[in-house]
């Protein structure tokens, strides 16, 4: 079996954890000030403190001025897009694109997380 776990290195761990938990419904698996693994069904992400990385690391402190996630779209498939959208709206975090039925048949909404990562939440059918 193979699994994909996404690790996001961020400036403010607490803000990113709150975003993925409150807006998107991820569950915190373990609390740590510098690294917080989370899950939503089979999806796994981990939020890590950028400041805790060693000097010279690709995502380390010297990367603070660079734009994150260029060319990357984080796609989260959910069973109930209406419920996920409602949770997002109630979180009062601004959406980049509201709930839209796409030409390819799926329904999604889009948001940019606190560190600039582009996230699309989409239906599975």
PDB file of N, CA and C in Angstrom:
ATOM      1  N   UNK A   1       0.850  -1.173   0.000  1.00  0.00           N
ATOM      2  CA  UNK A   1       0.000   0.000   0.000  1.00  0.00           C
ATOM      3  C   UNK A   1       0.898   1.238   0.000  1.00  0.00           C
ATOM      4  N   UNK A   2       0.509   2.231  -0.747  1.00  0.00           N
ATOM      5  CA  UNK A   2       1.209   3.513  -0.765  1.00  0.00           C
ATOM      6  C   UNK A   2       0.246   4.605  -0.353  1.00  0.00           C
ATOM      7  N   UNK A   3       0.771   5.588   0.353  1.00  0.00           N
ATOM      8  CA  UNK A   3      -0.043   6.730   0.770  1.00  0.00           C
ATOM      9  C   UNK A   3       0.742   7.999   0.521  1.00  0.00           C
ATOM     10  N   UNK A   4       0.021   9.058   0.331  1.00  0.00           N
ATOM     11  CA  UNK A   4       0.635  10.366   0.168  1.00  0.00           C
ATOM     12  C   UNK A   4       0.302  11.203   1.389  1.00  0.00           C
ATOM     13  N   UNK A   5       1.326  11.789   1.987  1.00  0.00           N
ATOM     14  CA  UNK A   5       1.133  12.730   3.090  1.00  0.00           C
ATOM     15  C   UNK A   5       1.777  14.033   2.648  1.00  0.00           C
ATOM     16  N   UNK A   6       1.046  15.093   2.765  1.00  0.00           N
ATOM     17  CA  UNK A   6       1.520  16.404   2.366  1.00  0.00           C
ATOM     18  C   UNK A   6       2.032  17.135   3.595  1.00  0.00           C
ATOM     19  N   UNK A   7       3.242  17.683   3.527  1.00  0.00           N
ATOM     20  CA  UNK A   7       3.787  18.482   4.617  1.00  0.00           C
ATOM     21  C   UNK A   7       3.909  19.922   4.144  1.00  0.00           C
ATOM     22  N   UNK A   8       3.331  20.823   4.911  1.00  0.00           N
ATOM     23  CA  UNK A   8       3.379  22.248   4.596  1.00  0.00           C
ATOM     24  C   UNK A   8       4.200  22.944   5.671  1.00  0.00           C
ATOM     25  N   UNK A   9       5.244  23.645   5.265  1.00  0.00           N
ATOM     26  CA  UNK A   9       6.064  24.390   6.214  1.00  0.00           C
ATOM     27  C   UNK A   9       5.607  25.834   6.187  1.00  0.00           C
ATOM     28  N   UNK A  10       5.251  26.338   7.364  1.00  0.00           N
ATOM     29  CA  UNK A  10       4.531  27.605   7.467  1.00  0.00           C
ATOM     30  C   UNK A  10       5.187  28.532   8.483  1.00  0.00           C
ATOM     31  N   UNK A  11       4.811  29.799   8.413  1.00  0.00           N
ATOM     32  CA  UNK A  11       5.306  30.805   9.346  1.00  0.00           C
ATOM     33  C   UNK A  11       4.600  30.674  10.692  1.00  0.00           C
ATOM     34  N   UNK A  12       3.282  30.470  10.677  1.00  0.00           N
ATOM     35  CA  UNK A  12       2.488  30.426  11.908  1.00  0.00           C
ATOM     36  C   UNK A  12       1.726  29.100  11.964  1.00  0.00           C
ATOM     37  N   UNK A  13       2.265  28.151  12.719  1.00  0.00           N
ATOM     38  CA  UNK A  13       1.663  26.815  12.807  1.00  0.00           C
ATOM     39  C   UNK A  13       0.228  26.892  13.314  1.00  0.00           C
ATOM     40  N   UNK A  14      -0.003  27.668  14.366  1.00  0.00           N
ATOM     41  CA  UNK A  14      -1.348  27.752  14.955  1.00  0.00           C
ATOM     42  C   UNK A  14      -2.372  28.274  13.954  1.00  0.00           C
ATOM     43  N   UNK A  15      -2.009  29.294  13.176  1.00  0.00           N
ATOM     44  CA  UNK A  15      -2.939  29.851  12.182  1.00  0.00           C
ATOM     45  C   UNK A  15      -3.263  28.825  11.102  1.00  0.00           C
ATOM     46  N   UNK A  16      -2.253  28.090  10.647  1.00  0.00           N
ATOM     47  CA  UNK A  16      -2.492  27.087   9.607  1.00  0.00           C
ATOM     48  C   UNK A  16      -3.301  25.913  10.135  1.00  0.00           C
ATOM     49  N   UNK A  17      -3.007  25.471  11.360  1.00  0.00           N
ATOM     50  CA  UNK A  17      -3.790  24.388  11.963  1.00  0.00           C
ATOM     51  C   UNK A  17      -5.248  24.823  12.087  1.00  0.00           C
ATOM     52  N   UNK A  18      -5.477  26.038  12.554  1.00  0.00           N
ATOM     53  CA  UNK A  18      -6.852  26.547  12.685  1.00  0.00           C
ATOM     54  C   UNK A  18      -7.551  26.566  11.329  1.00  0.00           C
ATOM     55  N   UNK A  19      -6.857  26.994  10.281  1.00  0.00           N
ATOM     56  CA  UNK A  19      -7.428  27.034   8.933  1.00  0.00           C
ATOM     57  C   UNK A  19      -7.866  25.638   8.485  1.00  0.00           C
ATOM     58  N   UNK A  20      -6.968  24.675   8.526  1.00  0.00           N
ATOM     59  CA  UNK A  20      -7.287  23.336   8.035  1.00  0.00           C
ATOM     60  C   UNK A  20      -8.296  22.623   8.936  1.00  0.00           C
ATOM     61  N   UNK A  21      -8.285  22.912  10.222  1.00  0.00           N
ATOM     62  CA  UNK A  21      -9.241  22.305  11.152  1.00  0.00           C
ATOM     63  C   UNK A  21     -10.613  22.965  11.028  1.00  0.00           C
ATOM     64  N   UNK A  22     -10.664  24.275  11.199  1.00  0.00           N
ATOM     65  CA  UNK A  22     -11.945  24.979  11.284  1.00  0.00           C
ATOM     66  C   UNK A  22     -12.614  25.167   9.933  1.00  0.00           C
ATOM     67  N   UNK A  23     -11.832  25.451   8.911  1.00  0.00           N
ATOM     68  CA  UNK A  23     -12.430  25.707   7.608  1.00  0.00           C
ATOM     69  C   UNK A  23     -12.674  24.423   6.820  1.00  0.00           C
ATOM     70  N   UNK A  24     -11.717  23.503   6.869  1.00  0.00           N
ATOM     71  CA  UNK A  24     -11.805  22.330   6.006  1.00  0.00           C
ATOM     72  C   UNK A  24     -12.150  21.038   6.738  1.00  0.00           C
ATOM     73  N   UNK A  25     -12.170  21.044   8.060  1.00  0.00           N
ATOM     74  CA  UNK A  25     -12.615  19.880   8.811  1.00  0.00           C
ATOM     75  C   UNK A  25     -11.549  18.855   9.154  1.00  0.00           C
ATOM     76  N   UNK A  26     -10.267  19.176   8.955  1.00  0.00           N
ATOM     77  CA  UNK A  26      -9.208  18.245   9.327  1.00  0.00           C
ATOM     78  C   UNK A  26      -9.185  18.060  10.840  1.00  0.00           C
ATOM     79  N   UNK A  27      -8.786  16.870  11.278  1.00  0.00           N
ATOM     80  CA  UNK A  27      -8.703  16.528  12.697  1.00  0.00           C
ATOM     81  C   UNK A  27      -7.226  16.470  13.086  1.00  0.00           C
ATOM     82  N   UNK A  28      -6.887  17.117  14.179  1.00  0.00           N
ATOM     83  CA  UNK A  28      -5.513  17.097  14.679  1.00  0.00           C
ATOM     84  C   UNK A  28      -5.231  15.722  15.272  1.00  0.00           C
ATOM     85  N   UNK A  29      -4.139  15.095  14.822  1.00  0.00           N
ATOM     86  CA  UNK A  29      -3.759  13.784  15.352  1.00  0.00           C
ATOM     87  C   UNK A  29      -2.845  13.908  16.565  1.00  0.00           C
ATOM     88  N   UNK A  30      -2.007  14.941  16.578  1.00  0.00           N
ATOM     89  CA  UNK A  30      -1.084  15.147  17.687  1.00  0.00           C
ATOM     90  C   UNK A  30      -0.705  16.621  17.732  1.00  0.00           C
ATOM     91  N   UNK A  31      -0.738  17.211  18.906  1.00  0.00           N
ATOM     92  CA  UNK A  31      -0.384  18.621  19.080  1.00  0.00           C
ATOM     93  C   UNK A  31       1.093  18.740  19.428  1.00  0.00           C
ATOM     94  N   UNK A  32       1.801  19.567  18.705  1.00  0.00           N
ATOM     95  CA  UNK A  32       3.191  19.887  18.983  1.00  0.00           C
ATOM     96  C   UNK A  32       3.384  21.309  18.475  1.00  0.00           C
ATOM     97  N   UNK A  33       4.147  22.143  19.156  1.00  0.00           N
ATOM     98  CA  UNK A  33       4.271  23.534  18.705  1.00  0.00           C
ATOM     99  C   UNK A  33       4.889  23.681  17.313  1.00  0.00           C
ATOM    100  N   UNK A  34       5.727  22.712  16.901  1.00  0.00           N
ATOM    101  CA  UNK A  34       6.444  22.849  15.634  1.00  0.00           C
ATOM    102  C   UNK A  34       5.996  21.892  14.534  1.00  0.00           C
ATOM    103  N   UNK A  35       5.146  20.920  14.846  1.00  0.00           N
ATOM    104  CA  UNK A  35       4.745  19.936  13.836  1.00  0.00           C
ATOM    105  C   UNK A  35       3.421  19.308  14.260  1.00  0.00           C
ATOM    106  N   UNK A  36       2.394  19.470  13.425  1.00  0.00           N
ATOM    107  CA  UNK A  36       1.057  18.977  13.772  1.00  0.00           C
ATOM    108  C   UNK A  36       0.511  18.131  12.620  1.00  0.00           C
ATOM    109  N   UNK A  37       0.493  16.794  12.776  1.00  0.00           N
ATOM    110  CA  UNK A  37      -0.139  15.949  11.767  1.00  0.00           C
ATOM    111  C   UNK A  37      -1.665  16.029  11.891  1.00  0.00           C
ATOM    112  N   UNK A  38      -2.334  16.022  10.736  1.00  0.00           N
ATOM    113  CA  UNK A  38      -3.794  16.139  10.690  1.00  0.00           C
ATOM    114  C   UNK A  38      -4.331  15.162   9.648  1.00  0.00           C
ATOM    115  N   UNK A  39      -5.625  14.853   9.769  1.00  0.00           N
ATOM    116  CA  UNK A  39      -6.239  13.950   8.792  1.00  0.00           C
ATOM    117  C   UNK A  39      -7.678  14.373   8.515  1.00  0.00           C
ATOM    118  N   UNK A  40      -8.139  13.993   7.340  1.00  0.00           N
ATOM    119  CA  UNK A  40      -9.536  14.146   6.943  1.00  0.00           C
ATOM    120  C   UNK A  40      -9.849  12.908   6.121  1.00  0.00           C
ATOM    121  N   UNK A  41     -10.502  11.928   6.737  1.00  0.00           N
ATOM    122  CA  UNK A  41     -10.690  10.645   6.064  1.00  0.00           C
ATOM    123  C   UNK A  41      -9.326  10.024   5.806  1.00  0.00           C
ATOM    124  N   UNK A  42      -9.043   9.679   4.550  1.00  0.00           N
ATOM    125  CA  UNK A  42      -7.745   9.109   4.189  1.00  0.00           C
ATOM    126  C   UNK A  42      -6.705  10.172   3.852  1.00  0.00           C
ATOM    127  N   UNK A  43      -7.101  11.421   3.786  1.00  0.00           N
ATOM    128  CA  UNK A  43      -6.159  12.501   3.462  1.00  0.00           C
ATOM    129  C   UNK A  43      -5.331  12.841   4.694  1.00  0.00           C
ATOM    130  N   UNK A  44      -4.033  13.003   4.492  1.00  0.00           N
ATOM    131  CA  UNK A  44      -3.121  13.336   5.583  1.00  0.00           C
ATOM    132  C   UNK A  44      -2.307  14.564   5.205  1.00  0.00           C
ATOM    133  N   UNK A  45      -2.236  15.498   6.136  1.00  0.00           N
ATOM    134  CA  UNK A  45      -1.330  16.630   5.982  1.00  0.00           C
ATOM    135  C   UNK A  45      -0.602  16.809   7.308  1.00  0.00           C
ATOM    136  N   UNK A  46       0.501  17.501   7.251  1.00  0.00           N
ATOM    137  CA  UNK A  46       1.215  17.872   8.469  1.00  0.00           C
ATOM    138  C   UNK A  46       1.632  19.325   8.310  1.00  0.00           C
ATOM    139  N   UNK A  47       1.465  20.078   9.372  1.00  0.00           N
ATOM    140  CA  UNK A  47       1.842  21.484   9.386  1.00  0.00           C
ATOM    141  C   UNK A  47       3.119  21.590  10.210  1.00  0.00           C
ATOM    142  N   UNK A  48       4.186  22.085   9.590  1.00  0.00           N
ATOM    143  CA  UNK A  48       5.469  22.214  10.274  1.00  0.00           C
ATOM    144  C   UNK A  48       5.916  23.661  10.337  1.00  0.00           C
ATOM    145  N   UNK A  49       6.658  23.981  11.383  1.00  0.00           N
ATOM    146  CA  UNK A  49       7.178  25.341  11.552  1.00  0.00           C
ATOM    147  C   UNK A  49       8.376  25.550  10.637  1.00  0.00           C
ATOM    148  N   UNK A  50       8.277  26.533   9.771  1.00  0.00           N
ATOM    149  CA  UNK A  50       9.373  26.851   8.870  1.00  0.00           C
ATOM    150  C   UNK A  50      10.614  27.258   9.667  1.00  0.00           C
ATOM    151  N   UNK A  51      10.398  27.934  10.785  1.00  0.00           N
ATOM    152  CA  UNK A  51      11.516  28.414  11.602  1.00  0.00           C
ATOM    153  C   UNK A  51      12.313  27.280  12.242  1.00  0.00           C
ATOM    154  N   UNK A  52      11.731  26.098  12.349  1.00  0.00           N
ATOM    155  CA  UNK A  52      12.411  24.972  12.969  1.00  0.00           C
ATOM    156  C   UNK A  52      13.295  24.173  12.030  1.00  0.00           C
ATOM    157  N   UNK A  53      13.293  24.512  10.758  1.00  0.00           N
ATOM    158  CA  UNK A  53      14.101  23.776   9.794  1.00  0.00           C
ATOM    159  C   UNK A  53      15.564  24.212   9.883  1.00  0.00           C
ATOM    160  N   UNK A  54      16.480  23.300   9.577  1.00  0.00           N
ATOM    161  CA  UNK A  54      17.902  23.642   9.669  1.00  0.00           C
ATOM    162  C   UNK A  54      18.328  24.627   8.575  1.00  0.00           C
ATOM    163  N   UNK A  55      19.402  25.373   8.818  1.00  0.00           N
ATOM    164  CA  UNK A  55      19.909  26.294   7.794  1.00  0.00           C
ATOM    165  C   UNK A  55      20.193  25.550   6.489  1.00  0.00           C
ATOM    166  N   UNK A  56      19.845  26.193   5.392  1.00  0.00           N
ATOM    167  CA  UNK A  56      20.075  25.606   4.086  1.00  0.00           C
ATOM    168  C   UNK A  56      18.968  24.698   3.591  1.00  0.00           C
ATOM    169  N   UNK A  57      17.997  24.372   4.439  1.00  0.00           N
ATOM    170  CA  UNK A  57      16.872  23.537   4.013  1.00  0.00           C
ATOM    171  C   UNK A  57      16.083  24.302   2.952  1.00  0.00           C
ATOM    172  N   UNK A  58      15.582  23.593   1.959  1.00  0.00           N
ATOM    173  CA  UNK A  58      14.850  24.220   0.846  1.00  0.00           C
ATOM    174  C   UNK A  58      13.692  25.089   1.323  1.00  0.00           C
ATOM    175  N   UNK A  59      13.029  24.693   2.391  1.00  0.00           N
ATOM    176  CA  UNK A  59      11.889  25.449   2.909  1.00  0.00           C
ATOM    177  C   UNK A  59      12.228  26.212   4.184  1.00  0.00           C
ATOM    178  N   UNK A  60      13.514  26.348   4.490  1.00  0.00           N
ATOM    179  CA  UNK A  60      13.964  26.971   5.731  1.00  0.00           C
ATOM    180  C   UNK A  60      13.700  28.462   5.820  1.00  0.00           C
ATOM    181  N   UNK A  61      14.158  29.066   6.927  1.00  0.00           N
ATOM    182  CA  UNK A  61      13.889  30.480   7.196  1.00  0.00           C
ATOM    183  C   UNK A  61      14.325  31.431   6.082  1.00  0.00           C
ATOM    184  N   UNK A  62      15.401  31.096   5.366  1.00  0.00           N
ATOM    185  CA  UNK A  62      15.840  31.988   4.280  1.00  0.00           C
ATOM    186  C   UNK A  62      14.862  32.005   3.108  1.00  0.00           C
ATOM    187  N   UNK A  63      13.904  31.089   3.093  1.00  0.00           N
ATOM    188  CA  UNK A  63      12.892  31.036   2.033  1.00  0.00           C
ATOM    189  C   UNK A  63      11.683  31.902   2.356  1.00  0.00           C
ATOM    190  N   UNK A  64      11.730  32.628   3.476  1.00  0.00           N
ATOM    191  CA  UNK A  64      10.564  33.403   3.916  1.00  0.00           C
ATOM    192  C   UNK A  64      10.054  34.380   2.869  1.00  0.00           C
ATOM    193  N   UNK A  65      10.923  34.941   2.060  1.00  0.00           N
ATOM    194  CA  UNK A  65      10.486  35.920   1.073  1.00  0.00           C
ATOM    195  C   UNK A  65       9.944  35.322  -0.209  1.00  0.00           C
ATOM    196  N   UNK A  66      10.116  34.024  -0.399  1.00  0.00           N
ATOM    197  CA  UNK A  66       9.665  33.392  -1.641  1.00  0.00           C
ATOM    198  C   UNK A  66       8.182  33.060  -1.581  1.00  0.00           C
ATOM    199  N   UNK A  67       7.549  33.141  -2.732  1.00  0.00           N
ATOM    200  CA  UNK A  67       6.142  32.759  -2.815  1.00  0.00           C
ATOM    201  C   UNK A  67       6.037  31.239  -2.704  1.00  0.00           C
ATOM    202  N   UNK A  68       5.109  30.766  -1.898  1.00  0.00           N
ATOM    203  CA  UNK A  68       4.958  29.326  -1.688  1.00  0.00           C
ATOM    204  C   UNK A  68       3.951  28.729  -2.659  1.00  0.00           C
ATOM    205  N   UNK A  69       4.167  27.477  -2.964  1.00  0.00           N
ATOM    206  CA  UNK A  69       3.186  26.727  -3.720  1.00  0.00           C
ATOM    207  C   UNK A  69       3.032  27.120  -5.175  1.00  0.00           C
ATOM    208  N   UNK A  70       4.008  27.812  -5.746  1.00  0.00           N
ATOM    209  CA  UNK A  70       3.906  28.202  -7.150  1.00  0.00           C
ATOM    210  C   UNK A  70       3.824  26.939  -8.004  1.00  0.00           C
ATOM    211  N   UNK A  71       2.785  26.845  -8.811  1.00  0.00           N
ATOM    212  CA  UNK A  71       2.603  25.692  -9.677  1.00  0.00           C
ATOM    213  C   UNK A  71       1.994  24.481  -8.992  1.00  0.00           C
ATOM    214  N   UNK A  72       1.570  24.637  -7.741  1.00  0.00           N
ATOM    215  CA  UNK A  72       0.995  23.521  -6.988  1.00  0.00           C
ATOM    216  C   UNK A  72      -0.440  23.853  -6.607  1.00  0.00           C
ATOM    217  N   UNK A  73      -1.321  22.890  -6.811  1.00  0.00           N
ATOM    218  CA  UNK A  73      -2.701  23.018  -6.360  1.00  0.00           C
ATOM    219  C   UNK A  73      -2.985  21.838  -5.436  1.00  0.00           C
ATOM    220  N   UNK A  74      -3.303  22.138  -4.189  1.00  0.00           N
ATOM    221  CA  UNK A  74      -3.665  21.090  -3.238  1.00  0.00           C
ATOM    222  C   UNK A  74      -5.144  20.788  -3.468  1.00  0.00           C
ATOM    223  N   UNK A  75      -5.452  19.549  -3.834  1.00  0.00           N
ATOM    224  CA  UNK A  75      -6.833  19.165  -4.127  1.00  0.00           C
ATOM    225  C   UNK A  75      -7.308  18.195  -3.052  1.00  0.00           C
ATOM    226  N   UNK A  76      -8.400  18.552  -2.407  1.00  0.00           N
ATOM    227  CA  UNK A  76      -8.991  17.713  -1.369  1.00  0.00           C
ATOM    228  C   UNK A  76     -10.350  17.249  -1.871  1.00  0.00           C
ATOM    229  N   UNK A  77     -10.492  15.937  -2.064  1.00  0.00           N
ATOM    230  CA  UNK A  77     -11.764  15.364  -2.502  1.00  0.00           C
ATOM    231  C   UNK A  77     -12.609  15.043  -1.274  1.00  0.00           C
ATOM    232  N   UNK A  78     -13.860  15.460  -1.302  1.00  0.00           N
ATOM    233  CA  UNK A  78     -14.773  15.218  -0.182  1.00  0.00           C
ATOM    234  C   UNK A  78     -16.050  14.545  -0.685  1.00  0.00           C
ATOM    235  N   UNK A  79     -16.676  13.780   0.187  1.00  0.00           N
ATOM    236  CA  UNK A  79     -17.925  13.102  -0.175  1.00  0.00           C
ATOM    237  C   UNK A  79     -19.099  14.067  -0.246  1.00  0.00           C
ATOM    238  N   UNK A  80     -19.098  15.086   0.616  1.00  0.00           N
ATOM    239  CA  UNK A  80     -20.223  16.022   0.681  1.00  0.00           C
ATOM    240  C   UNK A  80     -19.715  17.449   0.471  1.00  0.00           C
ATOM    241  N   UNK A  81     -19.692  17.886  -0.774  1.00  0.00           N
ATOM    242  CA  UNK A  81     -19.157  19.209  -1.104  1.00  0.00           C
ATOM    243  C   UNK A  81     -20.016  20.319  -0.509  1.00  0.00           C
ATOM    244  N   UNK A  82     -21.321  20.104  -0.424  1.00  0.00           N
ATOM    245  CA  UNK A  82     -22.202  21.124   0.161  1.00  0.00           C
ATOM    246  C   UNK A  82     -21.858  21.354   1.632  1.00  0.00           C
ATOM    247  N   UNK A  83     -21.669  20.270   2.369  1.00  0.00           N
ATOM    248  CA  UNK A  83     -21.312  20.373   3.786  1.00  0.00           C
ATOM    249  C   UNK A  83     -19.948  21.051   3.959  1.00  0.00           C
ATOM    250  N   UNK A  84     -18.987  20.666   3.135  1.00  0.00           N
ATOM    251  CA  UNK A  84     -17.652  21.272   3.207  1.00  0.00           C
ATOM    252  C   UNK A  84     -17.699  22.754   2.879  1.00  0.00           C
ATOM    253  N   UNK A  85     -18.482  23.103   1.878  1.00  0.00           N
ATOM    254  CA  UNK A  85     -18.613  24.514   1.506  1.00  0.00           C
ATOM    255  C   UNK A  85     -19.271  25.299   2.633  1.00  0.00           C
ATOM    256  N   UNK A  86     -20.318  24.742   3.227  1.00  0.00           N
ATOM    257  CA  UNK A  86     -21.002  25.418   4.331  1.00  0.00           C
ATOM    258  C   UNK A  86     -20.043  25.665   5.492  1.00  0.00           C
ATOM    259  N   UNK A  87     -19.232  24.665   5.831  1.00  0.00           N
ATOM    260  CA  UNK A  87     -18.232  24.809   6.897  1.00  0.00           C
ATOM    261  C   UNK A  87     -17.265  25.938   6.546  1.00  0.00           C
ATOM    262  N   UNK A  88     -16.827  25.971   5.301  1.00  0.00           N
ATOM    263  CA  UNK A  88     -15.890  27.012   4.866  1.00  0.00           C
ATOM    264  C   UNK A  88     -16.513  28.397   4.978  1.00  0.00           C
ATOM    265  N   UNK A  89     -17.740  28.535   4.532  1.00  0.00           N
ATOM    266  CA  UNK A  89     -18.434  29.827   4.597  1.00  0.00           C
ATOM    267  C   UNK A  89     -18.597  30.265   6.048  1.00  0.00           C
ATOM    268  N   UNK A  90     -18.980  29.344   6.911  1.00  0.00           N
ATOM    269  CA  UNK A  90     -19.187  29.671   8.325  1.00  0.00           C
ATOM    270  C   UNK A  90     -17.890  30.025   9.048  1.00  0.00           C
ATOM    271  N   UNK A  91     -16.749  29.626   8.491  1.00  0.00           N
ATOM    272  CA  UNK A  91     -15.468  29.945   9.125  1.00  0.00           C
ATOM    273  C   UNK A  91     -15.084  31.408   8.931  1.00  0.00           C
ATOM    274  N   UNK A  92     -15.793  32.106   8.031  1.00  0.00           N
ATOM    275  CA  UNK A  92     -15.529  33.514   7.716  1.00  0.00           C
ATOM    276  C   UNK A  92     -14.172  33.743   7.063  1.00  0.00           C
ATOM    277  N   UNK A  93     -13.509  32.688   6.608  1.00  0.00           N
ATOM    278  CA  UNK A  93     -12.259  32.845   5.879  1.00  0.00           C
ATOM    279  C   UNK A  93     -12.628  33.094   4.417  1.00  0.00           C
ATOM    280  N   UNK A  94     -12.011  34.066   3.764  1.00  0.00           N
ATOM    281  CA  UNK A  94     -12.425  34.392   2.390  1.00  0.00           C
ATOM    282  C   UNK A  94     -12.123  33.276   1.386  1.00  0.00           C
ATOM    283  N   UNK A  95     -13.100  32.989   0.545  1.00  0.00           N
ATOM    284  CA  UNK A  95     -12.908  32.024  -0.535  1.00  0.00           C
ATOM    285  C   UNK A  95     -12.324  32.742  -1.744  1.00  0.00           C
ATOM    286  N   UNK A  96     -11.433  32.073  -2.481  1.00  0.00           N
ATOM    287  CA  UNK A  96     -10.919  32.637  -3.734  1.00  0.00           C
ATOM    288  C   UNK A  96     -11.938  32.482  -4.843  1.00  0.00           C
ATOM    289  N   UNK A  97     -12.672  31.374  -4.772  1.00  0.00           N
ATOM    290  CA  UNK A  97     -13.715  31.094  -5.758  1.00  0.00           C
ATOM    291  C   UNK A  97     -14.810  30.319  -5.044  1.00  0.00           C
ATOM    292  N   UNK A  98     -16.030  30.793  -5.169  1.00  0.00           N
ATOM    293  CA  UNK A  98     -17.143  30.143  -4.477  1.00  0.00           C
ATOM    294  C   UNK A  98     -17.523  28.831  -5.165  1.00  0.00           C
ATOM    295  N   UNK A  99     -18.458  28.145  -4.577  1.00  0.00           N
ATOM    296  CA  UNK A  99     -18.902  26.845  -5.067  1.00  0.00           C
ATOM    297  C   UNK A  99     -19.330  26.954  -6.529  1.00  0.00           C
ATOM    298  N   UNK A 100     -18.701  26.140  -7.373  1.00  0.00           N
ATOM    299  CA  UNK A 100     -18.925  26.214  -8.818  1.00  0.00           C
ATOM    300  C   UNK A 100     -18.978  24.811  -9.409  1.00  0.00           C
ATOM    301  N   UNK A 101     -19.948  24.585 -10.283  1.00  0.00           N
ATOM    302  CA  UNK A 101     -20.002  23.335 -11.056  1.00  0.00           C
ATOM    303  C   UNK A 101     -19.075  23.522 -12.254  1.00  0.00           C
ATOM    304  N   UNK A 102     -18.069  22.673 -12.373  1.00  0.00           N
ATOM    305  CA  UNK A 102     -17.061  22.814 -13.422  1.00  0.00           C
ATOM    306  C   UNK A 102     -17.488  22.097 -14.706  1.00  0.00           C
ATOM    307  N   UNK A 103     -16.945  22.509 -15.855  1.00  0.00           N
ATOM    308  CA  UNK A 103     -17.291  21.869 -17.128  1.00  0.00           C
ATOM    309  C   UNK A 103     -16.979  20.369 -17.155  1.00  0.00           C
ATOM    310  N   UNK A 104     -16.026  19.927 -16.354  1.00  0.00           N
ATOM    311  CA  UNK A 104     -15.667  18.512 -16.329  1.00  0.00           C
ATOM    312  C   UNK A 104     -16.566  17.697 -15.397  1.00  0.00           C
ATOM    313  N   UNK A 105     -17.598  18.354 -14.800  1.00  0.00           N
ATOM    314  CA  UNK A 105     -18.631  17.637 -14.067  1.00  0.00           C
ATOM    315  C   UNK A 105     -18.524  17.641 -12.552  1.00  0.00           C
ATOM    316  N   UNK A 106     -17.413  18.101 -12.007  1.00  0.00           N
ATOM    317  CA  UNK A 106     -17.267  18.145 -10.550  1.00  0.00           C
ATOM    318  C   UNK A 106     -17.616  19.532 -10.029  1.00  0.00           C
ATOM    319  N   UNK A 107     -17.952  19.600  -8.759  1.00  0.00           N
ATOM    320  CA  UNK A 107     -18.267  20.866  -8.105  1.00  0.00           C
ATOM    321  C   UNK A 107     -17.162  21.148  -7.104  1.00  0.00           C
ATOM    322  N   UNK A 108     -16.683  22.403  -7.073  1.00  0.00           N
ATOM    323  CA  UNK A 108     -15.607  22.727  -6.145  1.00  0.00           C
ATOM    324  C   UNK A 108     -15.661  24.173  -5.692  1.00  0.00           C
ATOM    325  N   UNK A 109     -14.842  24.470  -4.676  1.00  0.00           N
ATOM    326  CA  UNK A 109     -14.561  25.849  -4.285  1.00  0.00           C
ATOM    327  C   UNK A 109     -13.069  25.927  -4.009  1.00  0.00           C
ATOM    328  N   UNK A 110     -12.547  27.162  -4.020  1.00  0.00           N
ATOM    329  CA  UNK A 110     -11.113  27.343  -3.882  1.00  0.00           C
ATOM    330  C   UNK A 110     -10.801  28.398  -2.834  1.00  0.00           C
ATOM    331  N   UNK A 111      -9.642  28.233  -2.213  1.00  0.00           N
ATOM    332  CA  UNK A 111      -9.216  29.138  -1.151  1.00  0.00           C
ATOM    333  C   UNK A 111      -7.687  29.138  -1.107  1.00  0.00           C
ATOM    334  N   UNK A 112      -7.124  30.210  -0.601  1.00  0.00           N
ATOM    335  CA  UNK A 112      -5.684  30.283  -0.377  1.00  0.00           C
ATOM    336  C   UNK A 112      -5.467  30.264   1.131  1.00  0.00           C
ATOM    337  N   UNK A 113      -4.613  29.342   1.599  1.00  0.00           N
ATOM    338  CA  UNK A 113      -4.409  29.209   3.048  1.00  0.00           C
ATOM    339  C   UNK A 113      -3.560  30.358   3.594  1.00  0.00           C
ATOM    340  N   UNK A 114      -3.379  30.450   4.914  1.00  0.00           N
ATOM    341  CA  UNK A 114      -2.670  31.592   5.501  1.00  0.00           C
ATOM    342  C   UNK A 114      -1.247  31.801   4.987  1.00  0.00           C
ATOM    343  N   UNK A 115      -0.615  30.761   4.447  1.00  0.00           N
ATOM    344  CA  UNK A 115       0.744  30.903   3.934  1.00  0.00           C
ATOM    345  C   UNK A 115       0.808  30.994   2.416  1.00  0.00           C
ATOM    346  N   UNK A 116      -0.337  31.087   1.767  1.00  0.00           N
ATOM    347  CA  UNK A 116      -0.349  31.266   0.323  1.00  0.00           C
ATOM    348  C   UNK A 116      -0.472  29.996  -0.492  1.00  0.00           C
ATOM    349  N   UNK A 117      -0.706  28.858   0.149  1.00  0.00           N
ATOM    350  CA  UNK A 117      -0.917  27.621  -0.598  1.00  0.00           C
ATOM    351  C   UNK A 117      -2.338  27.621  -1.166  1.00  0.00           C
ATOM    352  N   UNK A 118      -2.463  27.267  -2.449  1.00  0.00           N
ATOM    353  CA  UNK A 118      -3.741  27.271  -3.158  1.00  0.00           C
ATOM    354  C   UNK A 118      -4.431  25.922  -2.937  1.00  0.00           C
ATOM    355  N   UNK A 119      -5.657  25.950  -2.437  1.00  0.00           N
ATOM    356  CA  UNK A 119      -6.386  24.730  -2.087  1.00  0.00           C
ATOM    357  C   UNK A 119      -7.710  24.689  -2.842  1.00  0.00           C
ATOM    358  N   UNK A 120      -7.969  23.543  -3.500  1.00  0.00           N
ATOM    359  CA  UNK A 120      -9.266  23.310  -4.146  1.00  0.00           C
ATOM    360  C   UNK A 120      -9.950  22.172  -3.407  1.00  0.00           C
ATOM    361  N   UNK A 121     -11.168  22.406  -2.970  1.00  0.00           N
ATOM    362  CA  UNK A 121     -11.978  21.367  -2.330  1.00  0.00           C
ATOM    363  C   UNK A 121     -13.023  20.962  -3.357  1.00  0.00           C
ATOM    364  N   UNK A 122     -13.079  19.673  -3.679  1.00  0.00           N
ATOM    365  CA  UNK A 122     -13.896  19.213  -4.793  1.00  0.00           C
ATOM    366  C   UNK A 122     -14.733  17.995  -4.430  1.00  0.00           C
ATOM    367  N   UNK A 123     -15.841  17.855  -5.149  1.00  0.00           N
ATOM    368  CA  UNK A 123     -16.677  16.666  -5.009  1.00  0.00           C
ATOM    369  C   UNK A 123     -15.959  15.489  -5.655  1.00  0.00           C
ATOM    370  N   UNK A 124     -16.384  14.287  -5.307  1.00  0.00           N
ATOM    371  CA  UNK A 124     -15.784  13.095  -5.902  1.00  0.00           C
ATOM    372  C   UNK A 124     -16.549  12.641  -7.140  1.00  0.00           C
ATOM    373  N   UNK A 125     -17.789  13.109  -7.284  1.00  0.00           N
ATOM    374  CA  UNK A 125     -18.588  12.739  -8.462  1.00  0.00           C
ATOM    375  C   UNK A 125     -19.290  13.957  -9.007  1.00  0.00           C
TER     376      UNK A 125
END
